[in-house]
Amino acid sequence: MIEAREIAVEAADGHRFQLLARIPAAPSRSVLWLPALGIAAKHYVAMAEVLAARGVAVFVHEWRGHGSSTLRADATRDWGYRELLLHDIPASAAAVAIASPAARPAIGGHSLGGQLACCHLALQPGSASSLWLAGSGAPYWRAFPTPSRWMLPLAYRFLPWLAQRAGYLPGRRIGFGGNEARSLIRDWARTAITGHYQAQGVDTNLEAALARVSVPVRAALFDNDWLAPESSLRFLLSKLATREPQARIFGAATLGAAADHYAWMKRPEAVADWFLSAPQE
């Protein structure tokens, strides 16, 4: 029996959202899952149900500005990594601890969600016993294969400029992410250009803190995913202290779906099995 819930969460600054949950009877572990940029929590229901059927309590976070979030990015409402890392993700983690107190906690994420899962572990050591990543890697332009990487710095400068000029990034109009807060895009682009994680308003040195993260890592990549190639994942993992992180590249035949950045979300069985094939931490 799997319980489907939407848990009301309020962050320290008053932002409210729903934590999407699928909770089996007596789960042995839980995972707080962080979506990709611009993707609402509801799009991970299939993954949550597959993992819950395998005994994992799954809690899908909702990004500020999307889905059930009470906020929307515009010229008057802005936020960056600071609000996500210091307010929203900790609020979700606290709700997970209440809803599934006996389960061993993991954290994971897709794309940007995987990057911020790493940063959360850097800021909150010991908050999770393992890290699961899907289609995730640092956006640093030098970590991408040639020749495409030479075009990336231009895009990484254009997107923050557009967001500043418009008051927010009109991602739905231009086909990149959703409608995103300008400071969020600024923080993301800083990493994309410099290769370093830094969040305006966060006093902790994130690079130094990431170098102390040593939890086991299980990562899934997709062989036709130009947004998160293996080289970008390796660059992200190089920032952690984890020894021998485990990564697997999935093709379409194994997934039963296109092996791109998003199609696995509708056919998550193979990815779920990969996450759970590691020994219990």
C-alpha atoms as a PDB file:
ATOM      1  CA  MET A   1       0.000   0.000   0.000  1.00  0.00           C
ATOM      2  CA  ILE A   2       1.445   3.361  -1.066  1.00  0.00           C
ATOM      3  CA  GLU A   3       0.179   6.577   0.476  1.00  0.00           C
ATOM      4  CA  ALA A   4      -0.063   9.542  -1.894  1.00  0.00           C
ATOM      5  CA  ARG A   5       0.260  12.865  -0.085  1.00  0.00           C
ATOM      6  CA  GLU A   6       0.836  16.546  -0.715  1.00  0.00           C
ATOM      7  CA  ILE A   7       2.503  18.016   2.352  1.00  0.00           C
ATOM      8  CA  ALA A   8       2.129  21.742   2.974  1.00  0.00           C
ATOM      9  CA  VAL A   9       5.515  23.368   3.575  1.00  0.00           C
ATOM     10  CA  GLU A  10       6.342  26.926   4.573  1.00  0.00           C
ATOM     11  CA  ALA A  11       9.881  28.246   4.307  1.00  0.00           C
ATOM     12  CA  ALA A  12      11.414  30.600   6.853  1.00  0.00           C
ATOM     13  CA  ASP A  13      10.684  33.647   4.677  1.00  0.00           C
ATOM     14  CA  GLY A  14       7.003  32.761   4.232  1.00  0.00           C
ATOM     15  CA  HIS A  15       7.194  31.048   0.840  1.00  0.00           C
ATOM     16  CA  ARG A  16       4.672  28.184   0.705  1.00  0.00           C
ATOM     17  CA  PHE A  17       4.503  25.111  -1.502  1.00  0.00           C
ATOM     18  CA  GLN A  18       3.433  21.464  -1.543  1.00  0.00           C
ATOM     19  CA  LEU A  19       5.885  18.607  -1.123  1.00  0.00           C
ATOM     20  CA  LEU A  20       4.688  15.763  -3.346  1.00  0.00           C
ATOM     21  CA  ALA A  21       5.032  12.435  -1.510  1.00  0.00           C
ATOM     22  CA  ARG A  22       4.642   8.735  -2.234  1.00  0.00           C
ATOM     23  CA  ILE A  23       5.141   6.757   0.994  1.00  0.00           C
ATOM     24  CA  PRO A  24       5.076   2.947   1.204  1.00  0.00           C
ATOM     25  CA  ALA A  25       4.313   1.096   4.416  1.00  0.00           C
ATOM     26  CA  ALA A  26       7.409   0.933   6.676  1.00  0.00           C
ATOM     27  CA  PRO A  27       9.959   2.377   4.206  1.00  0.00           C
ATOM     28  CA  SER A  28      13.593   1.524   4.908  1.00  0.00           C
ATOM     29  CA  ARG A  29      14.849   4.693   3.228  1.00  0.00           C
ATOM     30  CA  SER A  30      13.570   8.021   1.960  1.00  0.00           C
ATOM     31  CA  VAL A  31      14.734  10.401  -0.744  1.00  0.00           C
ATOM     32  CA  LEU A  32      14.191  14.126  -1.114  1.00  0.00           C
ATOM     33  CA  TRP A  33      14.192  14.711  -4.874  1.00  0.00           C
ATOM     34  CA  LEU A  34      15.008  18.103  -6.409  1.00  0.00           C
ATOM     35  CA  PRO A  35      13.654  18.772  -9.943  1.00  0.00           C
ATOM     36  CA  ALA A  36      15.399  20.196 -12.962  1.00  0.00           C
ATOM     37  CA  LEU A  37      15.265  23.914 -13.729  1.00  0.00           C
ATOM     38  CA  GLY A  38      11.722  24.977 -14.551  1.00  0.00           C
ATOM     39  CA  ILE A  39      10.169  21.530 -13.984  1.00  0.00           C
ATOM     40  CA  ALA A  40       7.235  21.215 -11.576  1.00  0.00           C
ATOM     41  CA  ALA A  41       7.191  18.424  -9.003  1.00  0.00           C
ATOM     42  CA  LYS A  42       4.188  16.708 -10.611  1.00  0.00           C
ATOM     43  CA  HIS A  43       6.344  15.606 -13.542  1.00  0.00           C
ATOM     44  CA  TYR A  44       8.221  13.205 -11.248  1.00  0.00           C
ATOM     45  CA  VAL A  45       5.140  11.277 -10.113  1.00  0.00           C
ATOM     46  CA  ALA A  46       6.076   8.256 -12.242  1.00  0.00           C
ATOM     47  CA  MET A  47       9.534   8.097 -10.678  1.00  0.00           C
ATOM     48  CA  ALA A  48       8.110   8.556  -7.187  1.00  0.00           C
ATOM     49  CA  GLU A  49       5.643   5.718  -7.674  1.00  0.00           C
ATOM     50  CA  VAL A  50       8.271   3.353  -9.095  1.00  0.00           C
ATOM     51  CA  LEU A  51      10.618   3.988  -6.163  1.00  0.00           C
ATOM     52  CA  ALA A  52       7.786   3.764  -3.632  1.00  0.00           C
ATOM     53  CA  ALA A  53       6.823   0.373  -5.075  1.00  0.00           C
ATOM     54  CA  ARG A  54      10.394  -0.665  -4.282  1.00  0.00           C
ATOM     55  CA  GLY A  55      10.104   0.436  -0.651  1.00  0.00           C
ATOM     56  CA  VAL A  56      11.448   4.001  -0.816  1.00  0.00           C
ATOM     57  CA  ALA A  57       9.515   6.963   0.573  1.00  0.00           C
ATOM     58  CA  VAL A  58       9.837   9.667  -2.080  1.00  0.00           C
ATOM     59  CA  PHE A  59       9.351  13.399  -1.494  1.00  0.00           C
ATOM     60  CA  VAL A  60       9.546  15.658  -4.542  1.00  0.00           C
ATOM     61  CA  HIS A  61      10.475  19.252  -3.806  1.00  0.00           C
ATOM     62  CA  GLU A  62       8.758  22.144  -5.597  1.00  0.00           C
ATOM     63  CA  TRP A  63      10.976  24.927  -6.852  1.00  0.00           C
ATOM     64  CA  ARG A  64      10.111  28.474  -5.945  1.00  0.00           C
ATOM     65  CA  GLY A  65       8.190  29.953  -8.850  1.00  0.00           C
ATOM     66  CA  HIS A  66       6.728  26.719 -10.241  1.00  0.00           C
ATOM     67  CA  GLY A  67       3.860  24.317  -9.710  1.00  0.00           C
ATOM     68  CA  SER A  68       2.358  24.639  -6.231  1.00  0.00           C
ATOM     69  CA  SER A  69       4.701  27.482  -5.227  1.00  0.00           C
ATOM     70  CA  THR A  70       2.892  30.624  -4.052  1.00  0.00           C
ATOM     71  CA  LEU A  71       5.429  32.788  -5.909  1.00  0.00           C
ATOM     72  CA  ARG A  72       6.064  33.567  -9.553  1.00  0.00           C
ATOM     73  CA  ALA A  73       9.130  35.320 -10.895  1.00  0.00           C
ATOM     74  CA  ASP A  74       8.556  38.780 -12.313  1.00  0.00           C
ATOM     75  CA  ALA A  75      10.084  42.249 -12.230  1.00  0.00           C
ATOM     76  CA  THR A  76       9.028  42.732  -8.582  1.00  0.00           C
ATOM     77  CA  ARG A  77       9.753  39.254  -7.201  1.00  0.00           C
ATOM     78  CA  ASP A  78      13.267  37.897  -7.332  1.00  0.00           C
ATOM     79  CA  TRP A  79      15.342  35.187  -5.662  1.00  0.00           C
ATOM     80  CA  GLY A  80      18.514  33.216  -6.200  1.00  0.00           C
ATOM     81  CA  TYR A  81      20.387  30.206  -4.881  1.00  0.00           C
ATOM     82  CA  ARG A  82      20.365  31.808  -1.419  1.00  0.00           C
ATOM     83  CA  GLU A  83      16.622  31.410  -0.987  1.00  0.00           C
ATOM     84  CA  LEU A  84      16.620  27.896  -2.419  1.00  0.00           C
ATOM     85  CA  LEU A  85      19.544  26.671  -0.314  1.00  0.00           C
ATOM     86  CA  LEU A  86      18.869  28.476   2.957  1.00  0.00           C
ATOM     87  CA  HIS A  87      15.052  28.479   3.017  1.00  0.00           C
ATOM     88  CA  ASP A  88      13.256  26.127   0.656  1.00  0.00           C
ATOM     89  CA  ILE A  89      15.325  22.929   0.589  1.00  0.00           C
ATOM     90  CA  PRO A  90      15.840  22.899   4.391  1.00  0.00           C
ATOM     91  CA  ALA A  91      12.079  23.341   4.845  1.00  0.00           C
ATOM     92  CA  SER A  92      11.439  20.316   2.631  1.00  0.00           C
ATOM     93  CA  ALA A  93      14.111  18.292   4.427  1.00  0.00           C
ATOM     94  CA  ALA A  94      12.484  19.079   7.770  1.00  0.00           C
ATOM     95  CA  ALA A  95       9.094  17.962   6.425  1.00  0.00           C
ATOM     96  CA  VAL A  96      10.629  14.693   5.192  1.00  0.00           C
ATOM     97  CA  ALA A  97      12.098  14.013   8.641  1.00  0.00           C
ATOM     98  CA  ILE A  98       8.646  14.438  10.195  1.00  0.00           C
ATOM     99  CA  ALA A  99       6.783  12.382   7.582  1.00  0.00           C
ATOM    100  CA  SER A 100       9.266   9.502   7.456  1.00  0.00           C
ATOM    101  CA  PRO A 101      11.345   9.599  10.645  1.00  0.00           C
ATOM    102  CA  ALA A 102      12.499   5.969  10.632  1.00  0.00           C
ATOM    103  CA  ALA A 103      13.766   5.908   7.051  1.00  0.00           C
ATOM    104  CA  ARG A 104      17.417   6.409   6.150  1.00  0.00           C
ATOM    105  CA  PRO A 105      17.523   9.706   4.215  1.00  0.00           C
ATOM    106  CA  ALA A 106      18.987  10.199   0.757  1.00  0.00           C
ATOM    107  CA  ILE A 107      18.883  13.300  -1.404  1.00  0.00           C
ATOM    108  CA  GLY A 108      18.915  13.452  -5.167  1.00  0.00           C
ATOM    109  CA  GLY A 109      18.055  15.528  -8.145  1.00  0.00           C
ATOM    110  CA  HIS A 110      17.720  15.965 -11.858  1.00  0.00           C
ATOM    111  CA  SER A 111      19.945  18.444 -13.704  1.00  0.00           C
ATOM    112  CA  LEU A 112      20.069  21.670 -11.617  1.00  0.00           C
ATOM    113  CA  GLY A 113      18.395  19.688  -8.829  1.00  0.00           C
ATOM    114  CA  GLY A 114      21.416  17.413  -8.636  1.00  0.00           C
ATOM    115  CA  GLN A 115      23.776  20.369  -8.411  1.00  0.00           C
ATOM    116  CA  LEU A 116      21.774  21.947  -5.595  1.00  0.00           C
ATOM    117  CA  ALA A 117      21.492  18.585  -3.836  1.00  0.00           C
ATOM    118  CA  CYS A 118      25.305  18.612  -3.716  1.00  0.00           C
ATOM    119  CA  CYS A 119      25.273  22.179  -2.390  1.00  0.00           C
ATOM    120  CA  HIS A 120      22.680  21.271   0.262  1.00  0.00           C
ATOM    121  CA  LEU A 121      24.918  18.461   1.480  1.00  0.00           C
ATOM    122  CA  ALA A 122      27.801  20.932   1.567  1.00  0.00           C
ATOM    123  CA  LEU A 123      25.788  23.328   3.745  1.00  0.00           C
ATOM    124  CA  GLN A 124      24.129  20.611   5.858  1.00  0.00           C
ATOM    125  CA  PRO A 125      26.722  17.867   6.476  1.00  0.00           C
ATOM    126  CA  GLY A 126      25.168  14.615   7.608  1.00  0.00           C
ATOM    127  CA  SER A 127      21.707  15.528   6.322  1.00  0.00           C
ATOM    128  CA  ALA A 128      21.641  12.553   3.919  1.00  0.00           C
ATOM    129  CA  SER A 129      23.394   9.213   3.755  1.00  0.00           C
ATOM    130  CA  SER A 130      23.643   9.050  -0.044  1.00  0.00           C
ATOM    131  CA  LEU A 131      23.303  11.147  -3.193  1.00  0.00           C
ATOM    132  CA  TRP A 132      21.381  10.178  -6.347  1.00  0.00           C
ATOM    133  CA  LEU A 133      21.817  12.124  -9.580  1.00  0.00           C
ATOM    134  CA  ALA A 134      19.987  11.865 -12.909  1.00  0.00           C
ATOM    135  CA  GLY A 135      21.048  13.818 -15.986  1.00  0.00           C
ATOM    136  CA  SER A 136      23.086  16.125 -13.797  1.00  0.00           C
ATOM    137  CA  GLY A 137      26.425  17.843 -14.131  1.00  0.00           C
ATOM    138  CA  ALA A 138      28.013  21.251 -13.660  1.00  0.00           C
ATOM    139  CA  PRO A 139      27.177  23.703 -16.477  1.00  0.00           C
ATOM    140  CA  TYR A 140      30.813  24.944 -16.652  1.00  0.00           C
ATOM    141  CA  TRP A 141      31.513  25.588 -20.315  1.00  0.00           C
ATOM    142  CA  ARG A 142      34.970  24.016 -20.285  1.00  0.00           C
ATOM    143  CA  ALA A 143      33.459  20.764 -18.977  1.00  0.00           C
ATOM    144  CA  PHE A 144      31.513  20.270 -22.225  1.00  0.00           C
ATOM    145  CA  PRO A 145      32.813  18.509 -25.326  1.00  0.00           C
ATOM    146  CA  THR A 146      34.116  20.502 -28.252  1.00  0.00           C
ATOM    147  CA  PRO A 147      33.029  22.002 -30.578  1.00  0.00           C
ATOM    148  CA  SER A 148      29.726  22.914 -28.893  1.00  0.00           C
ATOM    149  CA  ARG A 149      31.374  24.331 -25.780  1.00  0.00           C
ATOM    150  CA  TRP A 150      32.739  27.352 -27.633  1.00  0.00           C
ATOM    151  CA  MET A 151      29.194  28.655 -28.104  1.00  0.00           C
ATOM    152  CA  LEU A 152      28.255  28.298 -24.443  1.00  0.00           C
ATOM    153  CA  PRO A 153      29.913  31.429 -22.947  1.00  0.00           C
ATOM    154  CA  LEU A 154      27.817  33.603 -25.254  1.00  0.00           C
ATOM    155  CA  ALA A 155      24.599  31.934 -24.055  1.00  0.00           C
ATOM    156  CA  TYR A 156      25.741  32.112 -20.441  1.00  0.00           C
ATOM    157  CA  ARG A 157      26.161  35.873 -20.726  1.00  0.00           C
ATOM    158  CA  PHE A 158      23.050  36.475 -22.794  1.00  0.00           C
ATOM    159  CA  LEU A 159      20.595  34.721 -20.443  1.00  0.00           C
ATOM    160  CA  PRO A 160      21.425  36.806 -17.316  1.00  0.00           C
ATOM    161  CA  TRP A 161      21.363  39.956 -19.464  1.00  0.00           C
ATOM    162  CA  LEU A 162      17.917  39.036 -20.795  1.00  0.00           C
ATOM    163  CA  ALA A 163      16.640  38.199 -17.311  1.00  0.00           C
ATOM    164  CA  GLN A 164      17.901  41.517 -15.928  1.00  0.00           C
ATOM    165  CA  ARG A 165      16.414  43.467 -18.795  1.00  0.00           C
ATOM    166  CA  ALA A 166      13.002  41.732 -18.654  1.00  0.00           C
ATOM    167  CA  GLY A 167      12.908  41.482 -14.856  1.00  0.00           C
ATOM    168  CA  TYR A 168      12.913  37.664 -15.069  1.00  0.00           C
ATOM    169  CA  LEU A 169      13.985  35.053 -17.596  1.00  0.00           C
ATOM    170  CA  PRO A 170      11.069  34.333 -19.996  1.00  0.00           C
ATOM    171  CA  GLY A 171      12.175  30.732 -20.285  1.00  0.00           C
ATOM    172  CA  ARG A 172       8.884  29.385 -21.567  1.00  0.00           C
ATOM    173  CA  ARG A 173       9.047  31.807 -24.464  1.00  0.00           C
ATOM    174  CA  ILE A 174      12.656  31.092 -25.419  1.00  0.00           C
ATOM    175  CA  GLY A 175      12.598  27.353 -24.716  1.00  0.00           C
ATOM    176  CA  PHE A 176      15.008  27.179 -21.780  1.00  0.00           C
ATOM    177  CA  GLY A 177      13.719  26.310 -18.314  1.00  0.00           C
ATOM    178  CA  GLY A 178      10.590  28.034 -17.097  1.00  0.00           C
ATOM    179  CA  ASN A 179      10.008  31.645 -16.174  1.00  0.00           C
ATOM    180  CA  GLU A 180      12.957  32.063 -13.818  1.00  0.00           C
ATOM    181  CA  ALA A 181      14.033  34.694 -11.306  1.00  0.00           C
ATOM    182  CA  ARG A 182      16.838  36.911 -12.537  1.00  0.00           C
ATOM    183  CA  SER A 183      19.105  36.300  -9.513  1.00  0.00           C
ATOM    184  CA  LEU A 184      18.687  32.542  -9.924  1.00  0.00           C
ATOM    185  CA  ILE A 185      19.887  32.812 -13.520  1.00  0.00           C
ATOM    186  CA  ARG A 186      22.741  35.066 -12.399  1.00  0.00           C
ATOM    187  CA  ASP A 187      23.912  32.484  -9.832  1.00  0.00           C
ATOM    188  CA  TRP A 188      23.584  29.635 -12.346  1.00  0.00           C
ATOM    189  CA  ALA A 189      25.490  31.557 -15.028  1.00  0.00           C
ATOM    190  CA  ARG A 190      28.295  32.390 -12.601  1.00  0.00           C
ATOM    191  CA  THR A 191      29.007  28.678 -12.176  1.00  0.00           C
ATOM    192  CA  ALA A 192      28.621  28.114 -15.922  1.00  0.00           C
ATOM    193  CA  ILE A 193      31.265  30.731 -16.721  1.00  0.00           C
ATOM    194  CA  THR A 194      33.734  30.279 -13.834  1.00  0.00           C
ATOM    195  CA  GLY A 195      33.240  26.629 -12.845  1.00  0.00           C
ATOM    196  CA  HIS A 196      32.777  27.628  -9.204  1.00  0.00           C
ATOM    197  CA  TYR A 197      29.668  27.396  -7.032  1.00  0.00           C
ATOM    198  CA  GLN A 198      28.898  30.644  -5.256  1.00  0.00           C
ATOM    199  CA  ALA A 199      25.593  32.091  -4.113  1.00  0.00           C
ATOM    200  CA  GLN A 200      25.129  35.775  -3.414  1.00  0.00           C
ATOM    201  CA  GLY A 201      24.088  36.165   0.211  1.00  0.00           C
ATOM    202  CA  VAL A 202      25.447  32.760   1.300  1.00  0.00           C
ATOM    203  CA  ASP A 203      28.483  33.337   3.495  1.00  0.00           C
ATOM    204  CA  THR A 204      29.737  29.740   3.367  1.00  0.00           C
ATOM    205  CA  ASN A 205      32.484  29.000   0.846  1.00  0.00           C
ATOM    206  CA  LEU A 206      30.552  26.454  -1.206  1.00  0.00           C
ATOM    207  CA  GLU A 207      33.607  25.139  -3.036  1.00  0.00           C
ATOM    208  CA  ALA A 208      35.390  24.357   0.239  1.00  0.00           C
ATOM    209  CA  ALA A 209      32.222  22.849   1.705  1.00  0.00           C
ATOM    210  CA  LEU A 210      31.644  20.665  -1.367  1.00  0.00           C
ATOM    211  CA  ALA A 211      35.149  19.283  -0.941  1.00  0.00           C
ATOM    212  CA  ARG A 212      34.051  17.809   2.400  1.00  0.00           C
ATOM    213  CA  VAL A 213      31.016  15.934   1.004  1.00  0.00           C
ATOM    214  CA  SER A 214      31.841  12.231   1.123  1.00  0.00           C
ATOM    215  CA  VAL A 215      28.531  10.350   0.895  1.00  0.00           C
ATOM    216  CA  PRO A 216      28.135   7.502  -1.638  1.00  0.00           C
ATOM    217  CA  VAL A 217      27.025   8.754  -5.055  1.00  0.00           C
ATOM    218  CA  ARG A 218      24.930   6.942  -7.669  1.00  0.00           C
ATOM    219  CA  ALA A 219      24.503   8.807 -10.962  1.00  0.00           C
ATOM    220  CA  ALA A 220      22.501   8.088 -14.123  1.00  0.00           C
ATOM    221  CA  LEU A 221      23.442   9.652 -17.457  1.00  0.00           C
ATOM    222  CA  PHE A 222      21.760   9.397 -20.861  1.00  0.00           C
ATOM    223  CA  ASP A 223      23.692   8.856 -24.056  1.00  0.00           C
ATOM    224  CA  ASN A 224      21.787  11.456 -26.084  1.00  0.00           C
ATOM    225  CA  ASP A 225      21.692  14.170 -23.410  1.00  0.00           C
ATOM    226  CA  TRP A 226      23.626  17.184 -24.636  1.00  0.00           C
ATOM    227  CA  LEU A 227      22.574  19.184 -21.555  1.00  0.00           C
ATOM    228  CA  ALA A 228      24.421  16.852 -19.169  1.00  0.00           C
ATOM    229  CA  PRO A 229      27.256  15.000 -20.897  1.00  0.00           C
ATOM    230  CA  GLU A 230      29.497  12.654 -18.925  1.00  0.00           C
ATOM    231  CA  SER A 231      32.271  15.267 -18.811  1.00  0.00           C
ATOM    232  CA  SER A 232      30.012  17.727 -16.976  1.00  0.00           C
ATOM    233  CA  LEU A 233      29.057  15.077 -14.404  1.00  0.00           C
ATOM    234  CA  ARG A 234      32.716  14.197 -13.852  1.00  0.00           C
ATOM    235  CA  PHE A 235      33.513  17.862 -13.282  1.00  0.00           C
ATOM    236  CA  LEU A 236      30.724  18.150 -10.704  1.00  0.00           C
ATOM    237  CA  LEU A 237      31.815  14.958  -8.929  1.00  0.00           C
ATOM    238  CA  SER A 238      35.430  16.139  -8.870  1.00  0.00           C
ATOM    239  CA  LYS A 239      34.360  18.781  -6.371  1.00  0.00           C
ATOM    240  CA  LEU A 240      33.289  16.143  -3.825  1.00  0.00           C
ATOM    241  CA  ALA A 241      35.358  14.034  -1.441  1.00  0.00           C
ATOM    242  CA  THR A 242      33.384  10.896  -2.347  1.00  0.00           C
ATOM    243  CA  ARG A 243      35.638   8.022  -3.347  1.00  0.00           C
ATOM    244  CA  GLU A 244      34.616   6.001  -6.399  1.00  0.00           C
ATOM    245  CA  PRO A 245      31.226   7.551  -7.212  1.00  0.00           C
ATOM    246  CA  GLN A 246      29.202   5.180  -9.359  1.00  0.00           C
ATOM    247  CA  ALA A 247      27.845   6.361 -12.720  1.00  0.00           C
ATOM    248  CA  ARG A 248      26.038   4.561 -15.522  1.00  0.00           C
ATOM    249  CA  ILE A 249      25.158   5.771 -19.012  1.00  0.00           C
ATOM    250  CA  PHE A 250      21.754   4.611 -20.230  1.00  0.00           C
ATOM    251  CA  GLY A 251      20.764   4.080 -23.839  1.00  0.00           C
ATOM    252  CA  ALA A 252      17.288   4.045 -25.330  1.00  0.00           C
ATOM    253  CA  ALA A 253      17.100   0.236 -25.423  1.00  0.00           C
ATOM    254  CA  THR A 254      17.637  -0.016 -21.673  1.00  0.00           C
ATOM    255  CA  LEU A 255      15.343   2.870 -20.793  1.00  0.00           C
ATOM    256  CA  GLY A 256      12.533   1.985 -23.158  1.00  0.00           C
ATOM    257  CA  ALA A 257      12.488   5.666 -24.091  1.00  0.00           C
ATOM    258  CA  ALA A 258      14.678   8.233 -25.806  1.00  0.00           C
ATOM    259  CA  ALA A 259      17.946   8.597 -23.905  1.00  0.00           C
ATOM    260  CA  ASP A 260      17.736  12.373 -23.628  1.00  0.00           C
ATOM    261  CA  HIS A 261      17.458  14.844 -20.756  1.00  0.00           C
ATOM    262  CA  TYR A 262      13.742  14.362 -20.096  1.00  0.00           C
ATOM    263  CA  ALA A 263      12.229  11.181 -21.598  1.00  0.00           C
ATOM    264  CA  TRP A 264      13.441   8.940 -18.741  1.00  0.00           C
ATOM    265  CA  MET A 265      11.016  10.760 -16.414  1.00  0.00           C
ATOM    266  CA  LYS A 266       8.103   8.876 -18.020  1.00  0.00           C
ATOM    267  CA  ARG A 267       9.971   5.552 -18.014  1.00  0.00           C
ATOM    268  CA  PRO A 268      12.024   5.684 -14.795  1.00  0.00           C
ATOM    269  CA  GLU A 269      12.197   1.956 -13.989  1.00  0.00           C
ATOM    270  CA  ALA A 270      15.778   1.394 -15.142  1.00  0.00           C
ATOM    271  CA  VAL A 271      17.026   4.518 -13.368  1.00  0.00           C
ATOM    272  CA  ALA A 272      15.228   3.527 -10.152  1.00  0.00           C
ATOM    273  CA  ASP A 273      16.761   0.054 -10.303  1.00  0.00           C
ATOM    274  CA  TRP A 274      20.211   1.595 -10.762  1.00  0.00           C
ATOM    275  CA  PHE A 275      19.795   3.832  -7.719  1.00  0.00           C
ATOM    276  CA  LEU A 276      18.695   0.868  -5.607  1.00  0.00           C
ATOM    277  CA  SER A 277      21.321  -1.575  -6.857  1.00  0.00           C
ATOM    278  CA  ALA A 278      23.929  -0.156  -4.495  1.00  0.00           C
ATOM    279  CA  PRO A 279      24.384  -1.892  -1.134  1.00  0.00           C
ATOM    280  CA  GLN A 280      22.408  -0.327   1.710  1.00  0.00           C
ATOM    281  CA  GLU A 281      24.388   2.575   3.132  1.00  0.00           C
END
